Amino acid sequence: MRHIAVIGAGAIGQLIAEELTDRGHRVSLVSRSGSTRAAGVRSVAADATDPRALAEALGPTGASGGYHDVVVNAVNPRSYTAWERDWPPMSEAISAVCERTGAGQLIIGNLYGYGRVDEPMTENHPFSPEGPKGRVRAQMWERALQKHREGAMAAVELRASDYFGPTARAGVSLLMDYVVRPVLKGRTAWVPMGDLRAAHSWSYLPDIARLAADLAESDQGGPRWGRPWHVPTAPPRSMREVADEVAELAGLDRAVVRKVPGVVMAAGRLHPLVRALDETRHQFEHPWILDSGAAQREFGRQPTSWSQALLETIDGCAEGRDAGRKN
């Protein structure tokens, strides 16, 4: 049994905490609110941008007074537009605590650092970020990897593509917000950017949690650490294909998917969030395909089948609507 701290109580952090608890580990979930829905998880309130508060939250726990074995960095800035401002100090604060206590840092990453690609992405694909968000994420990993090589802190990074799943909250998953939920409501799915027919890899939230738990359980001095891993991910689907499959599985009429007119998007660029999304435009205008073969072979894990993942997601959306009507 290991003592593991998960920083960040979003959809990914919550699922990782639940997966680790189910495997018999002692888990602390650190978040701004200090709340969690996961049974058996110790909840701690702390702001990851405050080094002193974070150090206190990740201090000795339990009767033995021992430190955490692994710290899972699953935190995100409050706003998508604040990545460049908030990520560096949060990353440095988490790394500092890990260095001081001897905990390994498991970073939950993404694919932003790769930039434009014309082939499936493997973990060996070089960084070539398109903008500041990609540069921030690339620099976070490069600094952590350097510390790993110097022996100051064990580090490993899990990289997922745009995620979806039954517990994805509104405002954090493009596929859920712009395709899945509108289709389930019988509405036109208005997609803000990209080629609706372009193949795109979508990572399933439970698959992210399972690989994170596998890494947290792995020997920090072994070959599984000190490198990135791509989450086992099902074959790519275009947004139009996803919309049609959701409608079919939910027993609805054929989905209607349209792209937001260019003139509307041009006007929307006055809004900071829309401008920030421009950095990821290339990911949706051309094929964006994640190769997860390395993790599948090493950990013996296949991605959840596409149809099962969609069915579970549809069921989760229905349960959410039912809960909303009862409250």
C-alpha atoms as a PDB file:
ATOM      1  CA  MET A   1       0.000   0.000   0.000  1.00  0.00           C
ATOM      2  CA  ARG A   2       1.265   3.457  -0.918  1.00  0.00           C
ATOM      3  CA  HIS A   3       0.331   6.888   0.353  1.00  0.00           C
ATOM      4  CA  ILE A   4      -0.522   9.020  -2.658  1.00  0.00           C
ATOM      5  CA  ALA A   5      -1.578  12.653  -2.924  1.00  0.00           C
ATOM      6  CA  VAL A   6      -3.675  13.767  -5.878  1.00  0.00           C
ATOM      7  CA  ILE A   7      -3.633  17.519  -6.451  1.00  0.00           C
ATOM      8  CA  GLY A   8      -6.716  18.721  -8.301  1.00  0.00           C
ATOM      9  CA  ALA A   9     -10.321  17.594  -7.805  1.00  0.00           C
ATOM     10  CA  GLY A  10     -11.528  17.946 -11.379  1.00  0.00           C
ATOM     11  CA  ALA A  11     -12.874  15.031 -13.405  1.00  0.00           C
ATOM     12  CA  ILE A  12      -9.412  13.496 -13.827  1.00  0.00           C
ATOM     13  CA  GLY A  13      -8.233  14.010 -10.248  1.00  0.00           C
ATOM     14  CA  GLN A  14     -11.422  12.576  -8.747  1.00  0.00           C
ATOM     15  CA  LEU A  15     -11.285   9.453 -10.911  1.00  0.00           C
ATOM     16  CA  ILE A  16      -7.605   8.878 -10.162  1.00  0.00           C
ATOM     17  CA  ALA A  17      -8.296   9.183  -6.423  1.00  0.00           C
ATOM     18  CA  GLU A  18     -11.154   6.680  -6.703  1.00  0.00           C
ATOM     19  CA  GLU A  19      -9.081   4.228  -8.765  1.00  0.00           C
ATOM     20  CA  LEU A  20      -6.179   4.345  -6.314  1.00  0.00           C
ATOM     21  CA  THR A  21      -8.506   3.910  -3.324  1.00  0.00           C
ATOM     22  CA  ASP A  22     -10.150   0.915  -4.999  1.00  0.00           C
ATOM     23  CA  ARG A  23      -6.679  -0.610  -5.339  1.00  0.00           C
ATOM     24  CA  GLY A  24      -6.100  -0.308  -1.598  1.00  0.00           C
ATOM     25  CA  HIS A  25      -3.879   2.777  -1.403  1.00  0.00           C
ATOM     26  CA  ARG A  26      -4.161   5.635   1.104  1.00  0.00           C
ATOM     27  CA  VAL A  27      -5.156   8.689  -0.897  1.00  0.00           C
ATOM     28  CA  SER A  28      -5.231  12.395  -0.077  1.00  0.00           C
ATOM     29  CA  LEU A  29      -7.092  14.651  -2.520  1.00  0.00           C
ATOM     30  CA  VAL A  30      -5.844  18.234  -2.417  1.00  0.00           C
ATOM     31  CA  SER A  31      -8.020  20.977  -3.907  1.00  0.00           C
ATOM     32  CA  ARG A  32      -8.984  24.598  -3.358  1.00  0.00           C
ATOM     33  CA  SER A  33     -12.355  23.591  -1.920  1.00  0.00           C
ATOM     34  CA  GLY A  34     -11.173  20.564   0.027  1.00  0.00           C
ATOM     35  CA  SER A  35     -14.209  18.575  -1.102  1.00  0.00           C
ATOM     36  CA  THR A  36     -14.483  15.167  -2.734  1.00  0.00           C
ATOM     37  CA  ARG A  37     -17.176  12.686  -3.711  1.00  0.00           C
ATOM     38  CA  ALA A  38     -14.765   9.742  -3.423  1.00  0.00           C
ATOM     39  CA  ALA A  39     -15.390   7.453  -0.456  1.00  0.00           C
ATOM     40  CA  GLY A  40     -12.361   6.632   1.672  1.00  0.00           C
ATOM     41  CA  VAL A  41     -10.317   9.570   0.384  1.00  0.00           C
ATOM     42  CA  ARG A  42      -8.761  12.083   2.785  1.00  0.00           C
ATOM     43  CA  SER A  43      -9.733  15.557   1.575  1.00  0.00           C
ATOM     44  CA  VAL A  44      -7.390  18.517   2.074  1.00  0.00           C
ATOM     45  CA  ALA A  45      -8.012  22.181   1.217  1.00  0.00           C
ATOM     46  CA  ALA A  46      -5.023  24.042  -0.234  1.00  0.00           C
ATOM     47  CA  ASP A  47      -4.271  26.437  -3.081  1.00  0.00           C
ATOM     48  CA  ALA A  48      -1.584  24.995  -5.360  1.00  0.00           C
ATOM     49  CA  THR A  49      -0.405  28.510  -6.199  1.00  0.00           C
ATOM     50  CA  ASP A  50       0.562  29.028  -2.532  1.00  0.00           C
ATOM     51  CA  PRO A  51       3.843  27.160  -1.875  1.00  0.00           C
ATOM     52  CA  ARG A  52       3.488  27.369   1.909  1.00  0.00           C
ATOM     53  CA  ALA A  53      -0.095  26.059   1.931  1.00  0.00           C
ATOM     54  CA  LEU A  54       0.832  23.293  -0.483  1.00  0.00           C
ATOM     55  CA  ALA A  55       3.826  22.244   1.604  1.00  0.00           C
ATOM     56  CA  GLU A  56       1.602  22.039   4.681  1.00  0.00           C
ATOM     57  CA  ALA A  57      -1.046  20.035   2.808  1.00  0.00           C
ATOM     58  CA  LEU A  58       1.555  17.555   1.591  1.00  0.00           C
ATOM     59  CA  GLY A  59       3.317  17.298   4.940  1.00  0.00           C
ATOM     60  CA  PRO A  60       3.537  14.193   7.162  1.00  0.00           C
ATOM     61  CA  THR A  61       0.232  12.360   7.592  1.00  0.00           C
ATOM     62  CA  GLY A  62      -1.153   9.625   9.784  1.00  0.00           C
ATOM     63  CA  ALA A  63       0.154   8.169  13.010  1.00  0.00           C
ATOM     64  CA  SER A  64       3.503   7.298  11.441  1.00  0.00           C
ATOM     65  CA  GLY A  65       4.109  10.874  10.326  1.00  0.00           C
ATOM     66  CA  GLY A  66       5.306   9.646   6.941  1.00  0.00           C
ATOM     67  CA  TYR A  67       5.302  11.624   3.718  1.00  0.00           C
ATOM     68  CA  HIS A  68       3.483  10.760   0.506  1.00  0.00           C
ATOM     69  CA  ASP A  69       5.177   8.286  -1.826  1.00  0.00           C
ATOM     70  CA  VAL A  70       3.730   9.852  -4.973  1.00  0.00           C
ATOM     71  CA  VAL A  71       2.201  13.225  -5.786  1.00  0.00           C
ATOM     72  CA  VAL A  72      -0.145  13.237  -8.780  1.00  0.00           C
ATOM     73  CA  ASN A  73      -0.155  16.668 -10.408  1.00  0.00           C
ATOM     74  CA  ALA A  74      -3.687  16.807 -11.856  1.00  0.00           C
ATOM     75  CA  VAL A  75      -4.354  20.446 -11.039  1.00  0.00           C
ATOM     76  CA  ASN A  76      -5.415  23.062 -13.578  1.00  0.00           C
ATOM     77  CA  PRO A  77      -5.510  26.858 -13.373  1.00  0.00           C
ATOM     78  CA  ARG A  78      -8.917  28.346 -12.653  1.00  0.00           C
ATOM     79  CA  SER A  79      -9.157  29.764 -16.173  1.00  0.00           C
ATOM     80  CA  TYR A  80      -8.038  28.401 -19.547  1.00  0.00           C
ATOM     81  CA  THR A  81      -6.774  31.887 -20.358  1.00  0.00           C
ATOM     82  CA  ALA A  82      -4.514  31.921 -17.267  1.00  0.00           C
ATOM     83  CA  TRP A  83      -2.269  28.967 -18.101  1.00  0.00           C
ATOM     84  CA  GLU A  84       0.823  31.053 -18.842  1.00  0.00           C
ATOM     85  CA  ARG A  85       0.437  33.003 -15.596  1.00  0.00           C
ATOM     86  CA  ASP A  86      -0.613  30.260 -13.176  1.00  0.00           C
ATOM     87  CA  TRP A  87       1.044  27.061 -14.373  1.00  0.00           C
ATOM     88  CA  PRO A  88       4.725  27.929 -13.756  1.00  0.00           C
ATOM     89  CA  PRO A  89       4.339  28.818 -10.051  1.00  0.00           C
ATOM     90  CA  MET A  90       2.055  25.824  -9.406  1.00  0.00           C
ATOM     91  CA  SER A  91       4.478  23.470 -11.125  1.00  0.00           C
ATOM     92  CA  GLU A  92       7.443  24.867  -9.229  1.00  0.00           C
ATOM     93  CA  ALA A  93       5.611  24.657  -5.891  1.00  0.00           C
ATOM     94  CA  ILE A  94       4.665  21.015  -6.449  1.00  0.00           C
ATOM     95  CA  SER A  95       8.179  20.106  -7.589  1.00  0.00           C
ATOM     96  CA  ALA A  96       9.707  21.837  -4.566  1.00  0.00           C
ATOM     97  CA  VAL A  97       7.569  19.786  -2.169  1.00  0.00           C
ATOM     98  CA  CYS A  98       8.424  16.566  -4.007  1.00  0.00           C
ATOM     99  CA  GLU A  99      12.140  17.348  -3.869  1.00  0.00           C
ATOM    100  CA  ARG A 100      11.976  18.120  -0.156  1.00  0.00           C
ATOM    101  CA  THR A 101       9.931  15.066   0.836  1.00  0.00           C
ATOM    102  CA  GLY A 102      11.255  12.506  -1.630  1.00  0.00           C
ATOM    103  CA  ALA A 103       7.885  11.957  -3.308  1.00  0.00           C
ATOM    104  CA  GLY A 104       7.778  11.117  -6.994  1.00  0.00           C
ATOM    105  CA  GLN A 105       5.767  13.459  -9.208  1.00  0.00           C
ATOM    106  CA  LEU A 106       3.289  12.000 -11.697  1.00  0.00           C
ATOM    107  CA  ILE A 107       2.249  14.765 -14.096  1.00  0.00           C
ATOM    108  CA  ILE A 108      -1.077  14.576 -15.919  1.00  0.00           C
ATOM    109  CA  GLY A 109      -0.214  16.151 -19.257  1.00  0.00           C
ATOM    110  CA  ASN A 110      -1.646  16.681 -22.715  1.00  0.00           C
ATOM    111  CA  LEU A 111      -0.517  16.856 -26.338  1.00  0.00           C
ATOM    112  CA  TYR A 112      -0.210  20.627 -26.709  1.00  0.00           C
ATOM    113  CA  GLY A 113       3.588  20.533 -26.751  1.00  0.00           C
ATOM    114  CA  TYR A 114       3.744  18.567 -29.999  1.00  0.00           C
ATOM    115  CA  GLY A 115       2.403  21.390 -32.164  1.00  0.00           C
ATOM    116  CA  ARG A 116       1.449  20.671 -35.785  1.00  0.00           C
ATOM    117  CA  VAL A 117       1.895  17.043 -36.819  1.00  0.00           C
ATOM    118  CA  ASP A 118       1.431  15.059 -40.016  1.00  0.00           C
ATOM    119  CA  GLU A 119       1.670  11.577 -38.524  1.00  0.00           C
ATOM    120  CA  PRO A 120       0.431   9.702 -35.439  1.00  0.00           C
ATOM    121  CA  MET A 121       2.111  11.019 -32.286  1.00  0.00           C
ATOM    122  CA  THR A 122       4.294   8.714 -30.208  1.00  0.00           C
ATOM    123  CA  GLU A 123       6.066   9.576 -26.972  1.00  0.00           C
ATOM    124  CA  ASN A 124       9.248  10.169 -29.001  1.00  0.00           C
ATOM    125  CA  HIS A 125       7.661  12.934 -31.065  1.00  0.00           C
ATOM    126  CA  PRO A 126       9.669  16.147 -30.501  1.00  0.00           C
ATOM    127  CA  PHE A 127       8.149  19.207 -28.881  1.00  0.00           C
ATOM    128  CA  SER A 128       7.297  22.017 -31.297  1.00  0.00           C
ATOM    129  CA  PRO A 129       4.521  23.996 -29.570  1.00  0.00           C
ATOM    130  CA  GLU A 130       2.307  26.372 -31.520  1.00  0.00           C
ATOM    131  CA  GLY A 131       1.774  28.916 -28.765  1.00  0.00           C
ATOM    132  CA  PRO A 132       2.263  29.859 -25.114  1.00  0.00           C
ATOM    133  CA  LYS A 133       0.083  27.089 -23.653  1.00  0.00           C
ATOM    134  CA  GLY A 134       2.024  24.409 -25.467  1.00  0.00           C
ATOM    135  CA  ARG A 135       5.307  26.017 -24.448  1.00  0.00           C
ATOM    136  CA  VAL A 136       4.261  26.085 -20.791  1.00  0.00           C
ATOM    137  CA  ARG A 137       3.336  22.395 -20.825  1.00  0.00           C
ATOM    138  CA  ALA A 138       6.541  21.433 -22.644  1.00  0.00           C
ATOM    139  CA  GLN A 139       8.677  23.413 -20.204  1.00  0.00           C
ATOM    140  CA  MET A 140       6.940  21.794 -17.219  1.00  0.00           C
ATOM    141  CA  TRP A 141       7.904  18.338 -18.417  1.00  0.00           C
ATOM    142  CA  GLU A 142      11.419  19.314 -19.497  1.00  0.00           C
ATOM    143  CA  ARG A 143      12.154  20.766 -16.048  1.00  0.00           C
ATOM    144  CA  ALA A 144      10.704  17.745 -14.265  1.00  0.00           C
ATOM    145  CA  LEU A 145      12.674  15.384 -16.500  1.00  0.00           C
ATOM    146  CA  GLN A 146      15.876  17.294 -15.786  1.00  0.00           C
ATOM    147  CA  LYS A 147      15.264  16.939 -12.035  1.00  0.00           C
ATOM    148  CA  HIS A 148      14.664  13.218 -12.563  1.00  0.00           C
ATOM    149  CA  ARG A 149      17.955  12.822 -14.424  1.00  0.00           C
ATOM    150  CA  GLU A 150      19.803  14.773 -11.730  1.00  0.00           C
ATOM    151  CA  GLY A 151      18.316  12.565  -9.013  1.00  0.00           C
ATOM    152  CA  ALA A 152      16.517  15.462  -7.325  1.00  0.00           C
ATOM    153  CA  MET A 153      12.990  14.137  -7.938  1.00  0.00           C
ATOM    154  CA  ALA A 154      11.505  11.115  -9.659  1.00  0.00           C
ATOM    155  CA  ALA A 155       9.126  12.173 -12.444  1.00  0.00           C
ATOM    156  CA  VAL A 156       6.835  10.648 -15.046  1.00  0.00           C
ATOM    157  CA  GLU A 157       4.226  12.203 -17.334  1.00  0.00           C
ATOM    158  CA  LEU A 158       0.955  10.748 -18.570  1.00  0.00           C
ATOM    159  CA  ARG A 159      -0.293  12.383 -21.783  1.00  0.00           C
ATOM    160  CA  ALA A 160      -3.885  12.215 -22.947  1.00  0.00           C
ATOM    161  CA  SER A 161      -5.695  13.681 -25.912  1.00  0.00           C
ATOM    162  CA  ASP A 162      -8.909  15.699 -25.523  1.00  0.00           C
ATOM    163  CA  TYR A 163     -10.923  13.704 -23.036  1.00  0.00           C
ATOM    164  CA  PHE A 164     -14.557  12.704 -22.631  1.00  0.00           C
ATOM    165  CA  GLY A 165     -16.569  10.539 -20.287  1.00  0.00           C
ATOM    166  CA  PRO A 166     -19.578  10.343 -17.985  1.00  0.00           C
ATOM    167  CA  THR A 167     -18.020  12.527 -15.276  1.00  0.00           C
ATOM    168  CA  ALA A 168     -16.667  15.285 -17.544  1.00  0.00           C
ATOM    169  CA  ARG A 169     -17.934  18.611 -16.255  1.00  0.00           C
ATOM    170  CA  ALA A 170     -19.405  21.308 -18.466  1.00  0.00           C
ATOM    171  CA  GLY A 171     -16.824  23.681 -19.872  1.00  0.00           C
ATOM    172  CA  VAL A 172     -13.816  21.347 -19.844  1.00  0.00           C
ATOM    173  CA  SER A 173     -14.421  18.835 -22.662  1.00  0.00           C
ATOM    174  CA  LEU A 174     -14.862  20.080 -26.221  1.00  0.00           C
ATOM    175  CA  LEU A 175     -16.391  16.801 -27.372  1.00  0.00           C
ATOM    176  CA  MET A 176     -18.890  16.729 -24.513  1.00  0.00           C
ATOM    177  CA  ASP A 177     -19.848  20.410 -24.702  1.00  0.00           C
ATOM    178  CA  TYR A 178     -20.117  20.819 -28.454  1.00  0.00           C
ATOM    179  CA  VAL A 179     -21.096  17.357 -29.698  1.00  0.00           C
ATOM    180  CA  VAL A 180     -22.294  14.786 -27.150  1.00  0.00           C
ATOM    181  CA  ARG A 181     -24.560  16.903 -24.938  1.00  0.00           C
ATOM    182  CA  PRO A 182     -26.234  18.875 -27.778  1.00  0.00           C
ATOM    183  CA  VAL A 183     -26.923  15.671 -29.731  1.00  0.00           C
ATOM    184  CA  LEU A 184     -28.460  13.993 -26.666  1.00  0.00           C
ATOM    185  CA  LYS A 185     -30.723  17.024 -26.235  1.00  0.00           C
ATOM    186  CA  GLY A 186     -31.857  16.779 -29.862  1.00  0.00           C
ATOM    187  CA  ARG A 187     -30.176  20.042 -30.786  1.00  0.00           C
ATOM    188  CA  THR A 188     -27.849  20.995 -33.612  1.00  0.00           C
ATOM    189  CA  ALA A 189     -24.230  20.475 -32.594  1.00  0.00           C
ATOM    190  CA  TRP A 190     -22.453  23.742 -33.419  1.00  0.00           C
ATOM    191  CA  VAL A 191     -18.703  23.107 -33.485  1.00  0.00           C
ATOM    192  CA  PRO A 192     -16.566  26.259 -33.106  1.00  0.00           C
ATOM    193  CA  MET A 193     -13.616  25.219 -35.252  1.00  0.00           C
ATOM    194  CA  GLY A 194     -11.976  22.516 -37.310  1.00  0.00           C
ATOM    195  CA  ASP A 195     -12.838  20.068 -40.064  1.00  0.00           C
ATOM    196  CA  LEU A 196     -15.852  18.027 -38.984  1.00  0.00           C
ATOM    197  CA  ARG A 197     -14.478  15.068 -40.976  1.00  0.00           C
ATOM    198  CA  ALA A 198     -10.916  15.147 -39.592  1.00  0.00           C
ATOM    199  CA  ALA A 199      -9.867  12.064 -37.608  1.00  0.00           C
ATOM    200  CA  HIS A 200      -9.196  12.932 -33.968  1.00  0.00           C
ATOM    201  CA  SER A 201      -8.117  10.866 -30.969  1.00  0.00           C
ATOM    202  CA  TRP A 202     -10.340  11.171 -27.897  1.00  0.00           C
ATOM    203  CA  SER A 203      -9.089   9.800 -24.558  1.00  0.00           C
ATOM    204  CA  TYR A 204     -11.626   8.237 -22.190  1.00  0.00           C
ATOM    205  CA  LEU A 205     -11.508   9.454 -18.590  1.00  0.00           C
ATOM    206  CA  PRO A 206     -11.498   5.997 -16.900  1.00  0.00           C
ATOM    207  CA  ASP A 207      -8.591   4.937 -19.148  1.00  0.00           C
ATOM    208  CA  ILE A 208      -6.651   7.999 -17.965  1.00  0.00           C
ATOM    209  CA  ALA A 209      -7.292   7.070 -14.331  1.00  0.00           C
ATOM    210  CA  ARG A 210      -6.229   3.452 -14.826  1.00  0.00           C
ATOM    211  CA  LEU A 211      -2.892   4.345 -16.431  1.00  0.00           C
ATOM    212  CA  ALA A 212      -2.236   6.967 -13.744  1.00  0.00           C
ATOM    213  CA  ALA A 213      -2.766   4.321 -11.059  1.00  0.00           C
ATOM    214  CA  ASP A 214      -0.488   1.874 -12.889  1.00  0.00           C
ATOM    215  CA  LEU A 215       2.270   4.499 -12.958  1.00  0.00           C
ATOM    216  CA  ALA A 216       1.762   5.457  -9.309  1.00  0.00           C
ATOM    217  CA  GLU A 217       2.267   1.799  -8.380  1.00  0.00           C
ATOM    218  CA  SER A 218       5.410   1.415 -10.515  1.00  0.00           C
ATOM    219  CA  ASP A 219       8.997   1.516  -9.243  1.00  0.00           C
ATOM    220  CA  GLN A 220      10.177   5.125  -9.432  1.00  0.00           C
ATOM    221  CA  GLY A 221      13.730   3.944 -10.057  1.00  0.00           C
ATOM    222  CA  GLY A 222      12.691   1.654 -12.892  1.00  0.00           C
ATOM    223  CA  PRO A 223      12.213   2.221 -16.634  1.00  0.00           C
ATOM    224  CA  ARG A 224       8.557   3.222 -16.337  1.00  0.00           C
ATOM    225  CA  TRP A 225       9.539   6.520 -14.714  1.00  0.00           C
ATOM    226  CA  GLY A 226      11.661   9.266 -16.246  1.00  0.00           C
ATOM    227  CA  ARG A 227       9.648   9.282 -19.479  1.00  0.00           C
ATOM    228  CA  PRO A 228       6.189  10.138 -20.856  1.00  0.00           C
ATOM    229  CA  TRP A 229       3.390   7.662 -21.623  1.00  0.00           C
ATOM    230  CA  HIS A 230       0.368   8.046 -23.895  1.00  0.00           C
ATOM    231  CA  VAL A 231      -2.950   6.922 -22.426  1.00  0.00           C
ATOM    232  CA  PRO A 232      -4.417   3.835 -24.144  1.00  0.00           C
ATOM    233  CA  THR A 233      -6.835   5.469 -26.557  1.00  0.00           C
ATOM    234  CA  ALA A 234      -9.346   4.015 -29.032  1.00  0.00           C
ATOM    235  CA  PRO A 235      -8.940   4.559 -32.800  1.00  0.00           C
ATOM    236  CA  PRO A 236      -9.712   8.135 -33.881  1.00  0.00           C
ATOM    237  CA  ARG A 237     -13.152   9.427 -34.813  1.00  0.00           C
ATOM    238  CA  SER A 238     -14.187  12.643 -36.516  1.00  0.00           C
ATOM    239  CA  MET A 239     -16.658  14.893 -34.734  1.00  0.00           C
ATOM    240  CA  ARG A 240     -19.277  14.054 -37.350  1.00  0.00           C
ATOM    241  CA  GLU A 241     -18.758  10.327 -36.744  1.00  0.00           C
ATOM    242  CA  VAL A 242     -19.050  10.793 -32.988  1.00  0.00           C
ATOM    243  CA  ALA A 243     -22.291  12.737 -33.367  1.00  0.00           C
ATOM    244  CA  ASP A 244     -23.817  10.043 -35.585  1.00  0.00           C
ATOM    245  CA  GLU A 245     -22.745   7.248 -33.226  1.00  0.00           C
ATOM    246  CA  VAL A 246     -24.102   9.032 -30.145  1.00  0.00           C
ATOM    247  CA  ALA A 247     -27.456   9.539 -31.862  1.00  0.00           C
ATOM    248  CA  GLU A 248     -27.605   5.904 -32.958  1.00  0.00           C
ATOM    249  CA  LEU A 249     -26.675   4.492 -29.535  1.00  0.00           C
ATOM    250  CA  ALA A 250     -29.170   6.800 -27.814  1.00  0.00           C
ATOM    251  CA  GLY A 251     -31.946   5.841 -30.234  1.00  0.00           C
ATOM    252  CA  LEU A 252     -32.303   9.381 -31.596  1.00  0.00           C
ATOM    253  CA  ASP A 253     -32.795  10.785 -35.065  1.00  0.00           C
ATOM    254  CA  ARG A 254     -29.683  11.394 -37.151  1.00  0.00           C
ATOM    255  CA  ALA A 255     -27.513  14.077 -35.580  1.00  0.00           C
ATOM    256  CA  VAL A 256     -27.132  17.494 -37.167  1.00  0.00           C
ATOM    257  CA  VAL A 257     -23.583  18.855 -36.893  1.00  0.00           C
ATOM    258  CA  ARG A 258     -22.532  22.200 -38.262  1.00  0.00           C
ATOM    259  CA  LYS A 259     -19.526  24.455 -37.990  1.00  0.00           C
ATOM    260  CA  VAL A 260     -20.010  27.910 -36.494  1.00  0.00           C
ATOM    261  CA  PRO A 261     -19.884  30.430 -39.383  1.00  0.00           C
ATOM    262  CA  GLY A 262     -16.542  32.148 -39.842  1.00  0.00           C
ATOM    263  CA  VAL A 263     -18.002  35.610 -39.393  1.00  0.00           C
ATOM    264  CA  VAL A 264     -19.343  34.618 -35.971  1.00  0.00           C
ATOM    265  CA  MET A 265     -15.988  33.163 -34.927  1.00  0.00           C
ATOM    266  CA  ALA A 266     -14.210  36.290 -36.165  1.00  0.00           C
ATOM    267  CA  ALA A 267     -16.416  38.438 -33.952  1.00  0.00           C
ATOM    268  CA  GLY A 268     -15.911  36.013 -31.085  1.00  0.00           C
ATOM    269  CA  ARG A 269     -12.151  36.526 -31.166  1.00  0.00           C
ATOM    270  CA  LEU A 270     -12.764  39.672 -29.195  1.00  0.00           C
ATOM    271  CA  HIS A 271     -13.423  37.291 -26.286  1.00  0.00           C
ATOM    272  CA  PRO A 272     -10.253  36.073 -24.456  1.00  0.00           C
ATOM    273  CA  LEU A 273     -11.363  32.412 -24.354  1.00  0.00           C
ATOM    274  CA  VAL A 274     -12.046  32.261 -28.097  1.00  0.00           C
ATOM    275  CA  ARG A 275      -8.670  33.849 -28.799  1.00  0.00           C
ATOM    276  CA  ALA A 276      -7.016  31.314 -26.507  1.00  0.00           C
ATOM    277  CA  LEU A 277      -8.606  28.428 -28.433  1.00  0.00           C
ATOM    278  CA  ASP A 278      -6.897  29.615 -31.612  1.00  0.00           C
ATOM    279  CA  GLU A 279      -3.698  27.977 -30.390  1.00  0.00           C
ATOM    280  CA  THR A 280      -5.322  24.543 -30.711  1.00  0.00           C
ATOM    281  CA  ARG A 281      -6.990  25.124 -34.081  1.00  0.00           C
ATOM    282  CA  HIS A 282      -4.479  22.893 -35.888  1.00  0.00           C
ATOM    283  CA  GLN A 283      -5.539  19.953 -33.715  1.00  0.00           C
ATOM    284  CA  PHE A 284      -9.011  19.990 -35.269  1.00  0.00           C
ATOM    285  CA  GLU A 285      -8.356  21.145 -38.827  1.00  0.00           C
ATOM    286  CA  HIS A 286      -6.157  18.138 -39.644  1.00  0.00           C
ATOM    287  CA  PRO A 287      -5.881  14.543 -38.397  1.00  0.00           C
ATOM    288  CA  TRP A 288      -4.777  14.516 -34.745  1.00  0.00           C
ATOM    289  CA  ILE A 289      -3.919  10.940 -33.877  1.00  0.00           C
ATOM    290  CA  LEU A 290      -2.347   9.605 -30.686  1.00  0.00           C
ATOM    291  CA  ASP A 291      -0.341   6.369 -30.837  1.00  0.00           C
ATOM    292  CA  SER A 292      -0.697   4.634 -27.465  1.00  0.00           C
ATOM    293  CA  GLY A 293       0.925   1.356 -28.455  1.00  0.00           C
ATOM    294  CA  ALA A 294       3.836   1.707 -26.023  1.00  0.00           C
ATOM    295  CA  ALA A 295       1.617   1.908 -22.929  1.00  0.00           C
ATOM    296  CA  GLN A 296      -0.691  -0.810 -24.210  1.00  0.00           C
ATOM    297  CA  ARG A 297       2.252  -3.190 -24.575  1.00  0.00           C
ATOM    298  CA  GLU A 298       4.054  -2.224 -21.347  1.00  0.00           C
ATOM    299  CA  PHE A 299       1.031  -2.258 -19.033  1.00  0.00           C
ATOM    300  CA  GLY A 300      -1.047  -4.854 -20.873  1.00  0.00           C
ATOM    301  CA  ARG A 301      -3.977  -2.462 -21.107  1.00  0.00           C
ATOM    302  CA  GLN A 302      -6.262  -1.954 -24.069  1.00  0.00           C
ATOM    303  CA  PRO A 303      -8.393   1.179 -24.318  1.00  0.00           C
ATOM    304  CA  THR A 304     -12.040   0.847 -23.408  1.00  0.00           C
ATOM    305  CA  SER A 305     -13.908  -0.086 -26.585  1.00  0.00           C
ATOM    306  CA  TRP A 306     -15.356   2.938 -28.343  1.00  0.00           C
ATOM    307  CA  SER A 307     -18.948   1.708 -28.182  1.00  0.00           C
ATOM    308  CA  GLN A 308     -18.683   0.890 -24.462  1.00  0.00           C
ATOM    309  CA  ALA A 309     -17.123   4.285 -23.699  1.00  0.00           C
ATOM    310  CA  LEU A 310     -19.892   6.094 -25.574  1.00  0.00           C
ATOM    311  CA  LEU A 311     -22.628   4.040 -23.915  1.00  0.00           C
ATOM    312  CA  GLU A 312     -21.217   4.745 -20.448  1.00  0.00           C
ATOM    313  CA  THR A 313     -20.934   8.423 -21.325  1.00  0.00           C
ATOM    314  CA  ILE A 314     -24.527   8.557 -22.570  1.00  0.00           C
ATOM    315  CA  ASP A 315     -25.725   6.797 -19.408  1.00  0.00           C
ATOM    316  CA  GLY A 316     -23.758   9.254 -17.277  1.00  0.00           C
ATOM    317  CA  CYS A 317     -25.332  12.224 -19.035  1.00  0.00           C
ATOM    318  CA  ALA A 318     -28.803  10.749 -18.472  1.00  0.00           C
ATOM    319  CA  GLU A 319     -28.087  10.209 -14.766  1.00  0.00           C
ATOM    320  CA  GLY A 320     -26.898  13.798 -14.491  1.00  0.00           C
ATOM    321  CA  ARG A 321     -30.118  15.108 -16.017  1.00  0.00           C
ATOM    322  CA  ASP A 322     -32.209  12.933 -13.687  1.00  0.00           C
ATOM    323  CA  ALA A 323     -30.269  14.193 -10.655  1.00  0.00           C
ATOM    324  CA  GLY A 324     -30.793  17.766 -11.804  1.00  0.00           C
ATOM    325  CA  ARG A 325     -34.550  17.271 -12.033  1.00  0.00           C
ATOM    326  CA  LYS A 326     -34.670  15.816  -8.496  1.00  0.00           C
ATOM    327  CA  ASN A 327     -32.722  18.689  -6.916  1.00  0.00           C
END
